[in-house]
N, C-alpha and C. Protein backbone atom coordinates (compact mmCIF):
# COMPACT_ATOMS: atom_id res chain seq x y z
N MET A 1 6.64 -28.13 43.36
CA MET A 1 7.94 -27.76 42.85
C MET A 1 7.82 -27.43 41.37
N PRO A 2 8.23 -26.23 40.97
CA PRO A 2 8.10 -25.85 39.55
C PRO A 2 9.07 -26.65 38.68
N ARG A 3 8.60 -26.95 37.50
CA ARG A 3 9.46 -27.69 36.57
C ARG A 3 10.41 -26.71 35.88
N PRO A 4 11.54 -27.19 35.41
CA PRO A 4 12.49 -26.29 34.74
C PRO A 4 11.95 -25.79 33.40
N SER A 5 12.33 -24.60 33.05
CA SER A 5 11.87 -23.99 31.81
C SER A 5 12.51 -24.65 30.60
N LEU A 6 11.72 -24.80 29.54
CA LEU A 6 12.23 -25.34 28.29
C LEU A 6 12.64 -24.24 27.33
N HIS A 7 12.55 -23.00 27.78
CA HIS A 7 12.87 -21.85 26.94
C HIS A 7 14.37 -21.78 26.68
N ILE A 8 14.74 -21.58 25.42
CA ILE A 8 16.14 -21.42 25.04
C ILE A 8 16.27 -20.04 24.40
N GLU A 9 17.17 -19.24 24.93
CA GLU A 9 17.38 -17.90 24.39
C GLU A 9 17.99 -17.98 23.00
N PRO A 10 17.43 -17.26 22.01
CA PRO A 10 18.04 -17.24 20.69
C PRO A 10 19.36 -16.49 20.72
N THR A 11 20.34 -17.00 19.97
CA THR A 11 21.66 -16.37 19.98
C THR A 11 22.07 -15.84 18.61
N SER A 12 21.80 -16.58 17.56
CA SER A 12 22.22 -16.12 16.23
C SER A 12 21.18 -15.14 15.67
N PRO A 13 21.56 -14.32 14.71
CA PRO A 13 20.60 -13.38 14.12
C PRO A 13 19.37 -14.08 13.53
N LEU A 14 19.57 -15.24 12.90
CA LEU A 14 18.43 -15.97 12.34
C LEU A 14 17.50 -16.47 13.43
N GLN A 15 18.05 -16.99 14.52
CA GLN A 15 17.22 -17.45 15.64
C GLN A 15 16.45 -16.29 16.27
N ILE A 16 17.11 -15.16 16.40
CA ILE A 16 16.45 -13.97 16.98
C ILE A 16 15.31 -13.53 16.08
N ALA A 17 15.55 -13.49 14.76
CA ALA A 17 14.49 -13.09 13.83
C ALA A 17 13.32 -14.06 13.90
N ARG A 18 13.59 -15.36 13.90
CA ARG A 18 12.51 -16.35 14.01
C ARG A 18 11.72 -16.18 15.30
N HIS A 19 12.44 -15.94 16.40
CA HIS A 19 11.78 -15.77 17.70
C HIS A 19 10.80 -14.60 17.67
N TYR A 20 11.25 -13.46 17.17
CA TYR A 20 10.40 -12.28 17.20
C TYR A 20 9.30 -12.32 16.16
N VAL A 21 9.53 -12.96 15.02
CA VAL A 21 8.45 -13.11 14.04
C VAL A 21 7.36 -14.01 14.62
N ARG A 22 7.76 -15.10 15.28
CA ARG A 22 6.77 -15.97 15.93
C ARG A 22 5.99 -15.20 16.99
N GLU A 23 6.69 -14.40 17.79
CA GLU A 23 6.02 -13.62 18.82
C GLU A 23 5.05 -12.62 18.20
N LEU A 24 5.46 -12.00 17.09
CA LEU A 24 4.61 -11.02 16.42
C LEU A 24 3.34 -11.67 15.88
N ILE A 25 3.49 -12.84 15.25
CA ILE A 25 2.35 -13.46 14.60
C ILE A 25 1.52 -14.31 15.55
N TYR A 26 2.18 -15.12 16.36
CA TYR A 26 1.44 -16.07 17.19
C TYR A 26 1.45 -15.73 18.67
N GLY A 27 2.11 -14.66 19.05
CA GLY A 27 2.38 -14.41 20.45
C GLY A 27 1.24 -13.86 21.27
N ALA A 28 1.46 -13.88 22.56
CA ALA A 28 0.59 -13.31 23.57
C ALA A 28 -0.84 -13.82 23.47
N ASN A 29 -1.75 -13.08 24.07
CA ASN A 29 -3.16 -13.49 24.11
C ASN A 29 -3.89 -13.18 22.82
N ASP A 30 -3.40 -12.23 22.06
CA ASP A 30 -4.10 -11.83 20.84
C ASP A 30 -3.40 -12.35 19.59
N GLY A 31 -2.73 -13.48 19.68
CA GLY A 31 -2.01 -14.03 18.54
C GLY A 31 -2.90 -14.32 17.36
N ILE A 32 -4.09 -14.83 17.62
CA ILE A 32 -5.00 -15.17 16.52
C ILE A 32 -5.46 -13.90 15.79
N ILE A 33 -5.67 -12.83 16.52
CA ILE A 33 -6.09 -11.57 15.90
C ILE A 33 -4.96 -11.03 15.03
N THR A 34 -3.73 -11.10 15.55
CA THR A 34 -2.59 -10.64 14.78
C THR A 34 -2.42 -11.47 13.51
N THR A 35 -2.60 -12.78 13.63
CA THR A 35 -2.48 -13.65 12.47
C THR A 35 -3.50 -13.27 11.41
N PHE A 36 -4.75 -13.05 11.82
CA PHE A 36 -5.78 -12.67 10.85
C PHE A 36 -5.47 -11.32 10.22
N ALA A 37 -4.94 -10.39 11.00
CA ALA A 37 -4.60 -9.08 10.45
C ALA A 37 -3.49 -9.19 9.41
N VAL A 38 -2.49 -10.01 9.68
CA VAL A 38 -1.39 -10.19 8.73
C VAL A 38 -1.89 -10.86 7.46
N VAL A 39 -2.72 -11.89 7.62
CA VAL A 39 -3.26 -12.59 6.45
C VAL A 39 -4.16 -11.66 5.63
N ALA A 40 -5.00 -10.89 6.31
CA ALA A 40 -5.88 -9.96 5.60
C ALA A 40 -5.07 -8.89 4.87
N GLY A 41 -4.04 -8.36 5.51
CA GLY A 41 -3.20 -7.37 4.87
C GLY A 41 -2.48 -7.94 3.66
N GLY A 42 -1.97 -9.15 3.80
CA GLY A 42 -1.32 -9.81 2.66
C GLY A 42 -2.29 -10.05 1.53
N GLY A 43 -3.50 -10.46 1.86
CA GLY A 43 -4.52 -10.68 0.83
C GLY A 43 -4.90 -9.39 0.12
N MET A 44 -5.01 -8.32 0.89
CA MET A 44 -5.34 -7.04 0.26
C MET A 44 -4.23 -6.59 -0.67
N PHE A 45 -2.97 -6.79 -0.25
CA PHE A 45 -1.85 -6.42 -1.11
C PHE A 45 -1.89 -7.23 -2.40
N VAL A 46 -2.14 -8.53 -2.29
CA VAL A 46 -2.17 -9.39 -3.48
C VAL A 46 -3.30 -8.98 -4.42
N VAL A 47 -4.48 -8.71 -3.87
CA VAL A 47 -5.60 -8.28 -4.72
C VAL A 47 -5.26 -6.97 -5.42
N GLY A 48 -4.65 -6.04 -4.69
CA GLY A 48 -4.24 -4.78 -5.31
C GLY A 48 -3.19 -5.00 -6.38
N ALA A 49 -2.23 -5.88 -6.11
CA ALA A 49 -1.18 -6.16 -7.09
C ALA A 49 -1.77 -6.82 -8.33
N LEU A 50 -2.79 -7.66 -8.17
CA LEU A 50 -3.43 -8.30 -9.32
C LEU A 50 -4.17 -7.28 -10.19
N ARG A 51 -4.50 -6.15 -9.60
CA ARG A 51 -5.15 -5.09 -10.37
C ARG A 51 -4.26 -4.62 -11.52
N ALA A 52 -2.95 -4.80 -11.35
CA ALA A 52 -2.01 -4.39 -12.40
C ALA A 52 -2.20 -5.20 -13.67
N LEU A 53 -2.86 -6.34 -13.59
CA LEU A 53 -3.12 -7.14 -14.79
C LEU A 53 -4.14 -6.49 -15.71
N ILE A 54 -5.05 -5.69 -15.14
CA ILE A 54 -6.09 -5.07 -15.96
C ILE A 54 -5.98 -3.55 -16.04
N ALA A 55 -5.14 -2.97 -15.21
CA ALA A 55 -4.96 -1.52 -15.22
C ALA A 55 -3.50 -1.20 -15.52
N ASP A 56 -3.26 -0.02 -16.00
CA ASP A 56 -1.91 0.39 -16.35
C ASP A 56 -1.23 1.03 -15.14
N VAL A 57 -0.92 0.20 -14.14
CA VAL A 57 -0.22 0.66 -12.92
C VAL A 57 0.85 -0.37 -12.57
N ARG A 58 1.83 0.07 -11.83
CA ARG A 58 2.85 -0.87 -11.35
C ARG A 58 2.24 -1.77 -10.28
N TRP A 59 2.61 -3.04 -10.28
CA TRP A 59 1.98 -4.01 -9.38
C TRP A 59 2.21 -3.65 -7.92
N TRP A 60 3.42 -3.20 -7.56
CA TRP A 60 3.71 -2.91 -6.17
C TRP A 60 2.98 -1.65 -5.70
N LYS A 61 2.83 -0.69 -6.62
CA LYS A 61 2.13 0.55 -6.27
C LYS A 61 0.64 0.27 -6.05
N ALA A 62 0.06 -0.56 -6.91
CA ALA A 62 -1.35 -0.93 -6.75
C ALA A 62 -1.56 -1.73 -5.47
N GLY A 63 -0.61 -2.60 -5.12
CA GLY A 63 -0.71 -3.38 -3.89
C GLY A 63 -0.64 -2.50 -2.65
N VAL A 64 0.29 -1.57 -2.63
CA VAL A 64 0.42 -0.67 -1.49
C VAL A 64 -0.81 0.23 -1.38
N GLU A 65 -1.33 0.67 -2.52
CA GLU A 65 -2.52 1.51 -2.51
C GLU A 65 -3.72 0.77 -1.90
N MET A 66 -3.91 -0.47 -2.31
CA MET A 66 -5.01 -1.27 -1.77
C MET A 66 -4.82 -1.54 -0.28
N LEU A 67 -3.59 -1.84 0.13
CA LEU A 67 -3.30 -2.09 1.54
C LEU A 67 -3.58 -0.84 2.37
N GLY A 68 -3.14 0.32 1.88
CA GLY A 68 -3.39 1.58 2.59
C GLY A 68 -4.87 1.91 2.68
N LEU A 69 -5.58 1.73 1.59
CA LEU A 69 -7.02 1.99 1.59
C LEU A 69 -7.73 1.05 2.55
N GLY A 70 -7.33 -0.22 2.56
CA GLY A 70 -7.92 -1.18 3.49
C GLY A 70 -7.66 -0.80 4.93
N GLY A 71 -6.46 -0.30 5.21
CA GLY A 71 -6.14 0.15 6.57
C GLY A 71 -7.00 1.32 7.00
N VAL A 72 -7.19 2.28 6.10
CA VAL A 72 -8.04 3.44 6.43
C VAL A 72 -9.48 2.99 6.67
N VAL A 73 -9.98 2.11 5.82
CA VAL A 73 -11.35 1.61 5.98
C VAL A 73 -11.49 0.86 7.30
N ALA A 74 -10.49 0.07 7.68
CA ALA A 74 -10.54 -0.66 8.94
C ALA A 74 -10.57 0.30 10.13
N MET A 75 -9.78 1.38 10.07
CA MET A 75 -9.79 2.36 11.16
C MET A 75 -11.14 3.06 11.27
N VAL A 76 -11.72 3.42 10.14
CA VAL A 76 -13.04 4.07 10.16
C VAL A 76 -14.09 3.12 10.71
N ALA A 77 -14.04 1.84 10.33
CA ALA A 77 -14.99 0.86 10.84
C ALA A 77 -14.83 0.68 12.34
N TYR A 78 -13.60 0.62 12.82
CA TYR A 78 -13.35 0.46 14.25
C TYR A 78 -13.88 1.67 15.02
N ALA A 79 -13.59 2.87 14.52
CA ALA A 79 -14.04 4.10 15.20
C ALA A 79 -15.55 4.21 15.19
N SER A 80 -16.19 3.89 14.08
CA SER A 80 -17.65 3.98 14.03
C SER A 80 -18.29 2.93 14.93
N GLY A 81 -17.68 1.76 15.05
CA GLY A 81 -18.19 0.75 15.99
C GLY A 81 -18.11 1.22 17.42
N GLY A 82 -17.01 1.88 17.77
CA GLY A 82 -16.88 2.45 19.12
C GLY A 82 -17.90 3.54 19.37
N PHE A 83 -18.15 4.35 18.36
CA PHE A 83 -19.14 5.42 18.49
C PHE A 83 -20.53 4.84 18.71
N VAL A 84 -20.91 3.85 17.93
CA VAL A 84 -22.22 3.22 18.08
C VAL A 84 -22.33 2.53 19.44
N ALA A 85 -21.27 1.91 19.91
CA ALA A 85 -21.28 1.25 21.22
C ALA A 85 -21.53 2.27 22.34
N ARG A 86 -20.90 3.43 22.24
CA ARG A 86 -21.12 4.48 23.25
C ARG A 86 -22.56 5.00 23.17
N LEU A 87 -23.12 5.11 21.98
CA LEU A 87 -24.51 5.55 21.84
C LEU A 87 -25.45 4.56 22.49
N LEU A 88 -25.20 3.29 22.28
CA LEU A 88 -26.08 2.26 22.83
C LEU A 88 -25.96 2.13 24.33
N GLU A 89 -24.79 2.47 24.89
CA GLU A 89 -24.61 2.43 26.33
C GLU A 89 -25.23 3.65 27.01
N GLY A 90 -25.51 4.66 26.24
CA GLY A 90 -26.10 5.87 26.80
C GLY A 90 -25.06 6.84 27.33
N GLY A 91 -23.81 6.66 26.98
CA GLY A 91 -22.76 7.53 27.52
C GLY A 91 -22.15 8.29 26.46
């Protein structure tokens, strides 16, 4: 006999936001990967924003620039890894 669900549907806007943020960060099977991606993105933004201490740029612009550059580098690394994997498989 199945036990009753402990799930409670969120009703207020704050509860709904908390529910979906939790699902985004910790949810599903790849929650840990999502968490690391969010933390890495936040870290890249902070490092870029700190660049404003030594360069004559706005902190938010430097943070967004670093985050964007990191995203492009991550996509290139992912694509090149897939390419090498296909080469090694012989296909």
